[in-house]
Structure formats: C-alpha cells, structure tokens
Amino acid sequence: MTSGDLKKNAVVAIETFISTSSTYTEELSDGWTLVGNKGGYMAQHEHTIVVTDGNPIILTEMNGIFN
C-alpha cells in the first residue's frame, strides 16, 4: 500500500505485534489466530485512523495505553 492508495474518508487500522522471542507470525488453521514462530510472549496493539484532506483523525488516540 502506498499513500496514493489512501482516499479521503477511508478508515484504516494499523496493527503492530511486539514479541519477546519470535521474528514473525504464523496463522493457525482457524484462519484468524496468529502465533509467534519461535514462541515467547506477544502483544498486539492497534490504531484506527480516518484519512482526511489534512491531518488524520486517530480514533484510538485517547485509549490510555501509554498513560
């Protein structure tokens, strides 16, 4: 995806995974669950963003995760 793919009023989710041991994720047979390829602990965080003509609107900005 490039910035040219993002249209005004589009809503996108940016999801990050942080792991203590793994270097990438593997999808389980249920088609939904992701696990680390080397085990360890994993955490997932997401920001949902609305694309505008100016600054984006970060819908999850005030979720308190970093407070």
N, C-alpha and C. Protein backbone atom coordinates (compact mmCIF):
# COMPACT_ATOMS: atom_id res chain seq x y z
N MET A 1 0.85 -1.17 0.00
CA MET A 1 0.00 0.00 0.00
C MET A 1 0.89 1.23 0.00
N THR A 2 0.51 2.22 -0.78
CA THR A 2 1.23 3.49 -0.79
C THR A 2 0.29 4.59 -0.34
N SER A 3 0.84 5.77 -0.06
CA SER A 3 -0.01 6.88 0.39
C SER A 3 -1.04 7.26 -0.66
N GLY A 4 -0.76 6.97 -1.96
CA GLY A 4 -1.73 7.26 -3.01
C GLY A 4 -2.95 6.36 -2.96
N ASP A 5 -2.86 5.24 -2.24
CA ASP A 5 -3.98 4.31 -2.10
C ASP A 5 -4.98 4.78 -1.05
N LEU A 6 -4.59 5.72 -0.22
CA LEU A 6 -5.45 6.18 0.86
C LEU A 6 -6.32 7.33 0.38
N LYS A 7 -7.61 7.11 0.36
CA LYS A 7 -8.57 8.11 -0.11
C LYS A 7 -9.24 8.80 1.07
N LYS A 8 -9.66 10.04 0.87
CA LYS A 8 -10.35 10.80 1.91
C LYS A 8 -11.55 9.99 2.43
N ASN A 9 -11.72 9.99 3.73
CA ASN A 9 -12.78 9.30 4.48
C ASN A 9 -12.55 7.79 4.59
N ALA A 10 -11.44 7.28 4.07
CA ALA A 10 -11.11 5.87 4.28
C ALA A 10 -10.75 5.67 5.75
N VAL A 11 -11.04 4.51 6.26
CA VAL A 11 -10.68 4.15 7.64
C VAL A 11 -9.71 2.97 7.56
N VAL A 12 -8.56 3.13 8.18
CA VAL A 12 -7.55 2.07 8.17
C VAL A 12 -7.15 1.72 9.59
N ALA A 13 -6.73 0.48 9.76
CA ALA A 13 -6.24 0.03 11.06
C ALA A 13 -4.77 -0.33 10.91
N ILE A 14 -3.94 0.23 11.77
CA ILE A 14 -2.52 -0.09 11.81
C ILE A 14 -2.33 -1.00 13.02
N GLU A 15 -1.92 -2.24 12.78
CA GLU A 15 -1.77 -3.20 13.86
C GLU A 15 -0.31 -3.61 13.99
N THR A 16 0.21 -3.50 15.19
CA THR A 16 1.59 -3.91 15.45
C THR A 16 1.59 -5.11 16.39
N PHE A 17 2.60 -5.94 16.22
CA PHE A 17 2.82 -7.07 17.12
C PHE A 17 4.22 -6.91 17.70
N ILE A 18 4.33 -7.07 19.00
CA ILE A 18 5.61 -6.99 19.69
C ILE A 18 5.84 -8.34 20.35
N SER A 19 7.03 -8.90 20.18
CA SER A 19 7.31 -10.24 20.67
C SER A 19 8.62 -10.28 21.45
N THR A 20 8.66 -11.17 22.44
CA THR A 20 9.89 -11.37 23.20
C THR A 20 10.84 -12.35 22.50
N SER A 21 10.34 -13.22 21.63
CA SER A 21 11.18 -14.24 21.02
C SER A 21 11.01 -14.38 19.50
N SER A 22 9.80 -14.23 19.01
CA SER A 22 9.50 -14.53 17.62
C SER A 22 9.90 -13.39 16.69
N THR A 23 10.16 -13.76 15.44
CA THR A 23 10.52 -12.77 14.43
C THR A 23 9.40 -12.53 13.42
N TYR A 24 8.41 -13.44 13.37
CA TYR A 24 7.24 -13.23 12.54
C TYR A 24 6.10 -14.09 13.06
N THR A 25 4.90 -13.88 12.53
CA THR A 25 3.73 -14.62 12.99
C THR A 25 3.37 -15.71 11.99
N GLU A 26 2.70 -16.71 12.50
CA GLU A 26 2.15 -17.78 11.69
C GLU A 26 0.66 -17.86 11.96
N GLU A 27 -0.13 -18.03 10.92
CA GLU A 27 -1.57 -18.12 11.06
C GLU A 27 -1.98 -19.57 11.31
N LEU A 28 -2.84 -19.78 12.31
CA LEU A 28 -3.32 -21.12 12.60
C LEU A 28 -4.42 -21.53 11.61
N SER A 29 -4.80 -22.78 11.65
CA SER A 29 -5.76 -23.32 10.68
C SER A 29 -7.15 -22.70 10.79
N ASP A 30 -7.45 -22.00 11.90
CA ASP A 30 -8.76 -21.37 12.01
C ASP A 30 -8.86 -20.10 11.15
N GLY A 31 -7.73 -19.70 10.53
CA GLY A 31 -7.74 -18.54 9.65
C GLY A 31 -7.80 -17.20 10.37
N TRP A 32 -7.63 -17.21 11.68
CA TRP A 32 -7.78 -15.98 12.46
C TRP A 32 -6.64 -15.80 13.46
N THR A 33 -6.30 -16.87 14.16
CA THR A 33 -5.33 -16.80 15.25
C THR A 33 -3.90 -16.71 14.70
N LEU A 34 -3.14 -15.76 15.25
CA LEU A 34 -1.73 -15.63 14.91
C LEU A 34 -0.89 -16.02 16.12
N VAL A 35 0.17 -16.77 15.88
CA VAL A 35 1.10 -17.15 16.93
C VAL A 35 2.51 -16.82 16.46
N GLY A 36 3.42 -16.66 17.41
CA GLY A 36 4.81 -16.38 17.07
C GLY A 36 5.51 -17.64 16.57
N ASN A 37 6.39 -17.47 15.60
CA ASN A 37 7.09 -18.62 15.03
C ASN A 37 8.10 -19.25 16.00
N LYS A 38 8.54 -18.51 17.01
CA LYS A 38 9.53 -19.04 17.97
C LYS A 38 9.01 -19.02 19.40
N GLY A 39 7.70 -18.85 19.57
CA GLY A 39 7.12 -18.83 20.91
C GLY A 39 7.37 -17.49 21.59
N GLY A 40 7.39 -17.50 22.91
CA GLY A 40 7.56 -16.28 23.68
C GLY A 40 6.23 -15.59 23.90
N TYR A 41 6.29 -14.43 24.48
CA TYR A 41 5.10 -13.63 24.72
C TYR A 41 4.92 -12.66 23.56
N MET A 42 3.66 -12.41 23.20
CA MET A 42 3.36 -11.45 22.14
C MET A 42 2.26 -10.52 22.61
N ALA A 43 2.34 -9.28 22.14
CA ALA A 43 1.29 -8.30 22.41
C ALA A 43 0.92 -7.65 21.09
N GLN A 44 -0.35 -7.30 20.95
CA GLN A 44 -0.84 -6.65 19.74
C GLN A 44 -1.50 -5.34 20.14
N HIS A 45 -1.26 -4.32 19.33
CA HIS A 45 -1.87 -3.01 19.56
C HIS A 45 -2.34 -2.47 18.23
N GLU A 46 -3.41 -1.72 18.25
CA GLU A 46 -3.99 -1.21 17.01
C GLU A 46 -4.36 0.25 17.15
N HIS A 47 -4.16 1.00 16.08
CA HIS A 47 -4.71 2.34 15.96
C HIS A 47 -5.63 2.36 14.75
N THR A 48 -6.80 2.94 14.91
CA THR A 48 -7.75 3.10 13.81
C THR A 48 -7.73 4.56 13.40
N ILE A 49 -7.53 4.80 12.11
CA ILE A 49 -7.28 6.15 11.59
C ILE A 49 -8.25 6.47 10.46
N VAL A 50 -8.79 7.69 10.47
CA VAL A 50 -9.62 8.19 9.37
C VAL A 50 -8.76 9.12 8.52
N VAL A 51 -8.72 8.86 7.22
CA VAL A 51 -7.96 9.69 6.30
C VAL A 51 -8.78 10.93 5.97
N THR A 52 -8.14 12.11 6.05
CA THR A 52 -8.82 13.38 5.75
C THR A 52 -7.99 14.15 4.72
N ASP A 53 -8.48 15.35 4.37
CA ASP A 53 -7.70 16.23 3.48
C ASP A 53 -6.48 16.82 4.21
N GLY A 54 -6.54 16.88 5.52
CA GLY A 54 -5.45 17.45 6.32
C GLY A 54 -4.86 16.39 7.23
N ASN A 55 -4.80 16.71 8.51
CA ASN A 55 -4.27 15.75 9.48
C ASN A 55 -5.25 14.59 9.66
N PRO A 56 -4.74 13.38 9.80
CA PRO A 56 -5.63 12.24 10.01
C PRO A 56 -6.31 12.32 11.38
N ILE A 57 -7.45 11.66 11.50
CA ILE A 57 -8.14 11.55 12.78
C ILE A 57 -7.81 10.18 13.34
N ILE A 58 -7.13 10.15 14.48
CA ILE A 58 -6.76 8.89 15.12
C ILE A 58 -7.84 8.56 16.14
N LEU A 59 -8.71 7.64 15.78
CA LEU A 59 -9.87 7.32 16.62
C LEU A 59 -9.47 6.69 17.95
N THR A 60 -8.35 6.02 17.99
CA THR A 60 -7.91 5.32 19.20
C THR A 60 -6.85 6.10 19.97
N GLU A 61 -6.67 7.37 19.64
CA GLU A 61 -5.60 8.16 20.24
C GLU A 61 -5.71 8.26 21.76
N MET A 62 -6.88 8.39 22.27
CA MET A 62 -7.07 8.61 23.71
C MET A 62 -7.44 7.32 24.43
N ASN A 63 -6.86 6.19 24.02
CA ASN A 63 -7.23 4.93 24.66
C ASN A 63 -6.47 4.67 25.96
N GLY A 64 -5.51 5.54 26.31
CA GLY A 64 -4.81 5.43 27.58
C GLY A 64 -3.74 4.35 27.65
N ILE A 65 -3.42 3.71 26.54
CA ILE A 65 -2.48 2.60 26.55
C ILE A 65 -1.09 3.05 27.04
N PHE A 66 -0.70 4.30 26.81
CA PHE A 66 0.64 4.76 27.18
C PHE A 66 0.63 5.64 28.43
N ASN A 67 -0.50 5.73 29.11
CA ASN A 67 -0.59 6.56 30.32
C ASN A 67 -0.09 5.81 31.53
